[in-house]
PDB file of all heavy atoms in Angstrom:
ATOM      1  N   SER A   1     -24.364   8.172 -21.745  1.00  0.00           N
ATOM      2  CA  SER A   1     -24.169   8.548 -20.344  1.00  0.00           C
ATOM      3  C   SER A   1     -25.262   7.937 -19.453  1.00  0.00           C
ATOM      4  O   SER A   1     -24.974   7.458 -18.331  1.00  0.00           O
ATOM      5  CB  SER A   1     -24.199  10.067 -20.204  1.00  0.00           C
ATOM      6  OG  SER A   1     -23.133  10.654 -20.928  1.00  0.00           O
ATOM      7  N   PHE A   2     -26.520   7.969 -19.911  1.00  0.00           N
ATOM      8  CA  PHE A   2     -27.565   7.385 -19.125  1.00  0.00           C
ATOM      9  C   PHE A   2     -27.417   5.850 -19.017  1.00  0.00           C
ATOM     10  O   PHE A   2     -27.590   5.312 -17.878  1.00  0.00           O
ATOM     11  CB  PHE A   2     -28.872   7.688 -19.785  1.00  0.00           C
ATOM     12  CG  PHE A   2     -30.065   7.300 -19.030  1.00  0.00           C
ATOM     13  CD1 PHE A   2     -30.363   7.872 -17.773  1.00  0.00           C
ATOM     14  CD2 PHE A   2     -31.035   6.341 -19.487  1.00  0.00           C
ATOM     15  CE1 PHE A   2     -31.443   7.522 -17.001  1.00  0.00           C
ATOM     16  CE2 PHE A   2     -32.146   6.008 -18.736  1.00  0.00           C
ATOM     17  CZ  PHE A   2     -32.313   6.520 -17.501  1.00  0.00           C
ATOM     18  N   VAL A   3     -27.044   5.190 -20.030  1.00  0.00           N
ATOM     19  CA  VAL A   3     -26.910   3.676 -20.031  1.00  0.00           C
ATOM     20  C   VAL A   3     -25.715   3.375 -19.072  1.00  0.00           C
ATOM     21  O   VAL A   3     -25.786   2.400 -18.247  1.00  0.00           O
ATOM     22  CB  VAL A   3     -26.606   3.136 -21.452  1.00  0.00           C
ATOM     23  CG1 VAL A   3     -26.149   1.700 -21.325  1.00  0.00           C
ATOM     24  CG2 VAL A   3     -27.898   3.263 -22.216  1.00  0.00           C
ATOM     25  N   VAL A   4     -24.622   4.151 -19.135  1.00  0.00           N
ATOM     26  CA  VAL A   4     -23.476   3.883 -18.317  1.00  0.00           C
ATOM     27  C   VAL A   4     -23.854   4.087 -16.859  1.00  0.00           C
ATOM     28  O   VAL A   4     -23.420   3.372 -15.943  1.00  0.00           O
ATOM     29  CB  VAL A   4     -22.233   4.842 -18.680  1.00  0.00           C
ATOM     30  CG1 VAL A   4     -21.154   4.776 -17.693  1.00  0.00           C
ATOM     31  CG2 VAL A   4     -21.710   4.398 -20.077  1.00  0.00           C
ATOM     32  N   SER A   5     -24.653   5.184 -16.554  1.00  0.00           N
ATOM     33  CA  SER A   5     -25.021   5.420 -15.144  1.00  0.00           C
ATOM     34  C   SER A   5     -25.863   4.238 -14.598  1.00  0.00           C
ATOM     35  O   SER A   5     -25.778   3.898 -13.478  1.00  0.00           O
ATOM     36  CB  SER A   5     -25.811   6.720 -15.091  1.00  0.00           C
ATOM     37  OG  SER A   5     -27.018   6.714 -15.818  1.00  0.00           O
ATOM     38  N   LEU A   6     -26.788   3.684 -15.509  1.00  0.00           N
ATOM     39  CA  LEU A   6     -27.586   2.593 -15.037  1.00  0.00           C
ATOM     40  C   LEU A   6     -26.695   1.348 -14.700  1.00  0.00           C
ATOM     41  O   LEU A   6     -26.914   0.757 -13.696  1.00  0.00           O
ATOM     42  CB  LEU A   6     -28.648   2.158 -16.124  1.00  0.00           C
ATOM     43  CG  LEU A   6     -29.796   3.304 -16.214  1.00  0.00           C
ATOM     44  CD1 LEU A   6     -30.701   2.832 -17.408  1.00  0.00           C
ATOM     45  CD2 LEU A   6     -30.620   3.357 -14.965  1.00  0.00           C
ATOM     46  N   SER A   7     -25.839   1.041 -15.632  1.00  0.00           N
ATOM     47  CA  SER A   7     -24.976  -0.070 -15.446  1.00  0.00           C
ATOM     48  C   SER A   7     -23.998   0.093 -14.252  1.00  0.00           C
ATOM     49  O   SER A   7     -23.842  -0.886 -13.456  1.00  0.00           O
ATOM     50  CB  SER A   7     -24.134  -0.418 -16.682  1.00  0.00           C
ATOM     51  OG  SER A   7     -23.299   0.676 -16.976  1.00  0.00           O
ATOM     52  N   ARG A   8     -23.501   1.237 -14.036  1.00  0.00           N
ATOM     53  CA  ARG A   8     -22.622   1.497 -12.878  1.00  0.00           C
ATOM     54  C   ARG A   8     -23.452   1.344 -11.606  1.00  0.00           C
ATOM     55  O   ARG A   8     -22.881   0.889 -10.623  1.00  0.00           O
ATOM     56  CB  ARG A   8     -22.011   2.857 -13.018  1.00  0.00           C
ATOM     57  CG  ARG A   8     -20.842   2.932 -14.025  1.00  0.00           C
ATOM     58  CD  ARG A   8     -20.252   4.260 -14.079  1.00  0.00           C
ATOM     59  NE  ARG A   8     -19.207   4.371 -15.106  1.00  0.00           N
ATOM     60  CZ  ARG A   8     -18.503   5.489 -15.396  1.00  0.00           C
ATOM     61  NH1 ARG A   8     -18.861   6.586 -14.830  1.00  0.00           N
ATOM     62  NH2 ARG A   8     -17.536   5.477 -16.265  1.00  0.00           N
ATOM     63  N   SER A   9     -24.645   1.825 -11.640  1.00  0.00           N
ATOM     64  CA  SER A   9     -25.483   1.688 -10.458  1.00  0.00           C
ATOM     65  C   SER A   9     -25.708   0.193 -10.090  1.00  0.00           C
ATOM     66  O   SER A   9     -25.572  -0.160  -8.907  1.00  0.00           O
ATOM     67  CB  SER A   9     -26.863   2.311 -10.668  1.00  0.00           C
ATOM     68  OG  SER A   9     -27.703   2.144  -9.554  1.00  0.00           O
ATOM     69  N   LEU A  10     -25.932  -0.638 -11.094  1.00  0.00           N
ATOM     70  CA  LEU A  10     -26.027  -2.104 -10.796  1.00  0.00           C
ATOM     71  C   LEU A  10     -24.769  -2.690 -10.344  1.00  0.00           C
ATOM     72  O   LEU A  10     -24.720  -3.519  -9.433  1.00  0.00           O
ATOM     73  CB  LEU A  10     -26.560  -2.779 -12.078  1.00  0.00           C
ATOM     74  CG  LEU A  10     -27.985  -2.475 -12.488  1.00  0.00           C
ATOM     75  CD1 LEU A  10     -28.305  -3.095 -13.829  1.00  0.00           C
ATOM     76  CD2 LEU A  10     -28.999  -2.975 -11.429  1.00  0.00           C
ATOM     77  N   VAL A  11     -23.622  -2.319 -10.961  1.00  0.00           N
ATOM     78  CA  VAL A  11     -22.293  -2.813 -10.525  1.00  0.00           C
ATOM     79  C   VAL A  11     -21.999  -2.417  -9.168  1.00  0.00           C
ATOM     80  O   VAL A  11     -21.439  -3.203  -8.338  1.00  0.00           O
ATOM     81  CB  VAL A  11     -21.296  -2.377 -11.535  1.00  0.00           C
ATOM     82  CG1 VAL A  11     -19.801  -2.802 -11.027  1.00  0.00           C
ATOM     83  CG2 VAL A  11     -21.481  -3.025 -12.909  1.00  0.00           C
ATOM     84  N   GLN A  12     -22.389  -1.133  -8.819  1.00  0.00           N
ATOM     85  CA  GLN A  12     -22.137  -0.702  -7.416  1.00  0.00           C
ATOM     86  C   GLN A  12     -22.916  -1.485  -6.432  1.00  0.00           C
ATOM     87  O   GLN A  12     -22.425  -1.813  -5.368  1.00  0.00           O
ATOM     88  CB  GLN A  12     -22.478   0.805  -7.349  1.00  0.00           C
ATOM     89  CG  GLN A  12     -22.228   1.411  -6.013  1.00  0.00           C
ATOM     90  CD  GLN A  12     -22.500   2.889  -6.033  1.00  0.00           C
ATOM     91  OE1 GLN A  12     -23.072   3.421  -6.964  1.00  0.00           O
ATOM     92  NE2 GLN A  12     -22.255   3.516  -4.862  1.00  0.00           N
ATOM     93  N   ARG A  13     -24.108  -1.818  -6.820  1.00  0.00           N
ATOM     94  CA  ARG A  13     -24.971  -2.669  -5.889  1.00  0.00           C
ATOM     95  C   ARG A  13     -24.358  -4.049  -5.699  1.00  0.00           C
ATOM     96  O   ARG A  13     -24.290  -4.556  -4.606  1.00  0.00           O
ATOM     97  CB  ARG A  13     -26.354  -2.775  -6.411  1.00  0.00           C
ATOM     98  CG  ARG A  13     -27.144  -1.473  -6.318  1.00  0.00           C
ATOM     99  CD  ARG A  13     -28.527  -1.709  -6.838  1.00  0.00           C
ATOM    100  NE  ARG A  13     -29.255  -0.375  -6.851  1.00  0.00           N
ATOM    101  CZ  ARG A  13     -30.514  -0.264  -7.292  1.00  0.00           C
ATOM    102  NH1 ARG A  13     -31.151  -1.378  -7.674  1.00  0.00           N
ATOM    103  NH2 ARG A  13     -31.091   0.906  -7.233  1.00  0.00           N
ATOM    104  N   LEU A  14     -23.805  -4.585  -6.813  1.00  0.00           N
ATOM    105  CA  LEU A  14     -23.202  -5.894  -6.692  1.00  0.00           C
ATOM    106  C   LEU A  14     -21.888  -5.817  -5.849  1.00  0.00           C
ATOM    107  O   LEU A  14     -21.688  -6.735  -4.999  1.00  0.00           O
ATOM    108  CB  LEU A  14     -22.860  -6.429  -8.064  1.00  0.00           C
ATOM    109  CG  LEU A  14     -23.986  -6.760  -9.019  1.00  0.00           C
ATOM    110  CD1 LEU A  14     -23.506  -7.258 -10.369  1.00  0.00           C
ATOM    111  CD2 LEU A  14     -24.867  -7.840  -8.339  1.00  0.00           C
ATOM    112  N   ASP A  15     -21.161  -4.783  -5.991  1.00  0.00           N
ATOM    113  CA  ASP A  15     -19.944  -4.600  -5.157  1.00  0.00           C
ATOM    114  C   ASP A  15     -20.341  -4.423  -3.725  1.00  0.00           C
ATOM    115  O   ASP A  15     -19.697  -4.962  -2.820  1.00  0.00           O
ATOM    116  CB  ASP A  15     -19.116  -3.335  -5.665  1.00  0.00           C
ATOM    117  CG  ASP A  15     -18.550  -3.561  -6.981  1.00  0.00           C
ATOM    118  OD1 ASP A  15     -18.295  -4.768  -7.365  1.00  0.00           O
ATOM    119  OD2 ASP A  15     -18.237  -2.587  -7.703  1.00  0.00           O
ATOM    120  N   GLU A  16     -21.407  -3.720  -3.464  1.00  0.00           N
ATOM    121  CA  GLU A  16     -21.816  -3.461  -2.051  1.00  0.00           C
ATOM    122  C   GLU A  16     -22.269  -4.845  -1.464  1.00  0.00           C
ATOM    123  O   GLU A  16     -21.888  -5.083  -0.259  1.00  0.00           O
ATOM    124  CB  GLU A  16     -23.004  -2.495  -2.011  1.00  0.00           C
ATOM    125  CG  GLU A  16     -22.603  -1.055  -2.330  1.00  0.00           C
ATOM    126  CD  GLU A  16     -23.795  -0.167  -2.381  1.00  0.00           C
ATOM    127  OE1 GLU A  16     -24.947  -0.688  -2.309  1.00  0.00           O
ATOM    128  OE2 GLU A  16     -23.639   1.048  -2.580  1.00  0.00           O
ATOM    129  N   GLN A  17     -22.952  -5.579  -2.193  1.00  0.00           N
ATOM    130  CA  GLN A  17     -23.440  -6.915  -1.624  1.00  0.00           C
ATOM    131  C   GLN A  17     -22.270  -7.854  -1.447  1.00  0.00           C
ATOM    132  O   GLN A  17     -22.248  -8.629  -0.490  1.00  0.00           O
ATOM    133  CB  GLN A  17     -24.492  -7.469  -2.542  1.00  0.00           C
ATOM    134  CG  GLN A  17     -25.808  -6.711  -2.549  1.00  0.00           C
ATOM    135  CD  GLN A  17     -26.439  -6.603  -1.229  1.00  0.00           C
ATOM    136  OE1 GLN A  17     -26.464  -7.576  -0.409  1.00  0.00           O
ATOM    137  NE2 GLN A  17     -26.945  -5.379  -0.925  1.00  0.00           N
ATOM    138  N   SER A  18     -21.295  -7.829  -2.457  1.00  0.00           N
ATOM    139  CA  SER A  18     -20.120  -8.688  -2.199  1.00  0.00           C
ATOM    140  C   SER A  18     -19.327  -8.311  -1.121  1.00  0.00           C
ATOM    141  O   SER A  18     -18.779  -9.128  -0.329  1.00  0.00           O
ATOM    142  CB  SER A  18     -19.322  -8.659  -3.513  1.00  0.00           C
ATOM    143  OG  SER A  18     -18.820  -7.355  -3.763  1.00  0.00           O
ATOM    144  N   ALA A  19     -19.208  -6.974  -0.895  1.00  0.00           N
ATOM    145  CA  ALA A  19     -18.502  -6.457   0.359  1.00  0.00           C
ATOM    146  C   ALA A  19     -19.234  -6.923   1.597  1.00  0.00           C
ATOM    147  O   ALA A  19     -18.653  -7.329   2.649  1.00  0.00           O
ATOM    148  CB  ALA A  19     -18.376  -4.965   0.292  1.00  0.00           C
ATOM    149  N   GLY A  20     -20.569  -6.843   1.563  1.00  0.00           N
ATOM    150  CA  GLY A  20     -21.329  -7.313   2.709  1.00  0.00           C
ATOM    151  C   GLY A  20     -21.158  -8.736   2.985  1.00  0.00           C
ATOM    152  O   GLY A  20     -21.113  -9.218   4.171  1.00  0.00           O
ATOM    153  N   LEU A  21     -21.123  -9.545   1.882  1.00  0.00           N
ATOM    154  CA  LEU A  21     -20.915 -10.969   2.110  1.00  0.00           C
ATOM    155  C   LEU A  21     -19.553 -11.288   2.684  1.00  0.00           C
ATOM    156  O   LEU A  21     -19.360 -12.127   3.529  1.00  0.00           O
ATOM    157  CB  LEU A  21     -20.983 -11.722   0.747  1.00  0.00           C
ATOM    158  CG  LEU A  21     -22.394 -11.819   0.124  1.00  0.00           C
ATOM    159  CD1 LEU A  21     -22.353 -12.441  -1.261  1.00  0.00           C
ATOM    160  CD2 LEU A  21     -23.357 -12.655   1.008  1.00  0.00           C
ATOM    161  N   LEU A  22     -18.536 -10.482   2.267  1.00  0.00           N
ATOM    162  CA  LEU A  22     -17.154 -10.645   2.820  1.00  0.00           C
ATOM    163  C   LEU A  22     -17.080 -10.289   4.282  1.00  0.00           C
ATOM    164  O   LEU A  22     -16.495 -10.949   5.079  1.00  0.00           O
ATOM    165  CB  LEU A  22     -16.225  -9.793   2.057  1.00  0.00           C
ATOM    166  CG  LEU A  22     -14.724  -9.866   2.458  1.00  0.00           C
ATOM    167  CD1 LEU A  22     -14.159 -11.318   2.349  1.00  0.00           C
ATOM    168  CD2 LEU A  22     -13.866  -8.897   1.653  1.00  0.00           C
ATOM    169  N   VAL A  23     -17.828  -9.218   4.655  1.00  0.00           N
ATOM    170  CA  VAL A  23     -17.858  -8.841   6.059  1.00  0.00           C
ATOM    171  C   VAL A  23     -18.515  -9.907   6.932  1.00  0.00           C
ATOM    172  O   VAL A  23     -18.053 -10.292   8.034  1.00  0.00           O
ATOM    173  CB  VAL A  23     -18.594  -7.468   6.201  1.00  0.00           C
ATOM    174  CG1 VAL A  23     -18.913  -7.122   7.702  1.00  0.00           C
ATOM    175  CG2 VAL A  23     -17.711  -6.414   5.614  1.00  0.00           C
ATOM    176  N   ARG A  24     -19.665 -10.453   6.420  1.00  0.00           N
ATOM    177  CA  ARG A  24     -20.334 -11.472   7.155  1.00  0.00           C
ATOM    178  C   ARG A  24     -19.443 -12.722   7.323  1.00  0.00           C
ATOM    179  O   ARG A  24     -19.412 -13.405   8.328  1.00  0.00           O
ATOM    180  CB  ARG A  24     -21.655 -11.842   6.522  1.00  0.00           C
ATOM    181  CG  ARG A  24     -22.752 -10.760   6.727  1.00  0.00           C
ATOM    182  CD  ARG A  24     -24.085 -11.296   6.404  1.00  0.00           C
ATOM    183  NE  ARG A  24     -24.187 -11.604   4.968  1.00  0.00           N
ATOM    184  CZ  ARG A  24     -24.584 -10.768   4.048  1.00  0.00           C
ATOM    185  NH1 ARG A  24     -24.875  -9.504   4.337  1.00  0.00           N
ATOM    186  NH2 ARG A  24     -24.671 -11.092   2.734  1.00  0.00           N
ATOM    187  N   ARG A  25     -18.644 -12.999   6.266  1.00  0.00           N
ATOM    188  CA  ARG A  25     -17.765 -14.139   6.247  1.00  0.00           C
ATOM    189  C   ARG A  25     -16.704 -13.949   7.379  1.00  0.00           C
ATOM    190  O   ARG A  25     -16.426 -14.858   8.144  1.00  0.00           O
ATOM    191  CB  ARG A  25     -17.077 -14.297   4.884  1.00  0.00           C
ATOM    192  CG  ARG A  25     -15.949 -15.295   4.833  1.00  0.00           C
ATOM    193  CD  ARG A  25     -16.400 -16.725   4.912  1.00  0.00           C
ATOM    194  NE  ARG A  25     -15.301 -17.628   4.807  1.00  0.00           N
ATOM    195  CZ  ARG A  25     -15.463 -18.995   4.910  1.00  0.00           C
ATOM    196  NH1 ARG A  25     -16.625 -19.485   5.062  1.00  0.00           N
ATOM    197  NH2 ARG A  25     -14.349 -19.738   4.737  1.00  0.00           N
ATOM    198  N   LEU A  26     -16.134 -12.707   7.390  1.00  0.00           N
ATOM    199  CA  LEU A  26     -15.129 -12.458   8.440  1.00  0.00           C
ATOM    200  C   LEU A  26     -15.764 -12.540   9.823  1.00  0.00           C
ATOM    201  O   LEU A  26     -15.075 -13.098  10.802  1.00  0.00           O
ATOM    202  CB  LEU A  26     -14.571 -11.098   8.229  1.00  0.00           C
ATOM    203  CG  LEU A  26     -13.710 -10.900   6.956  1.00  0.00           C
ATOM    204  CD1 LEU A  26     -13.277  -9.405   6.766  1.00  0.00           C
ATOM    205  CD2 LEU A  26     -12.462 -11.813   7.022  1.00  0.00           C
TER     206      LEU A  26
END
């Protein structure tokens, strides 16, 4: 559970930054 929470936190950050990149692109 701890490892999954760490990996999900990183994936969430990547998703947030990719969403930010898409917004800036638009």
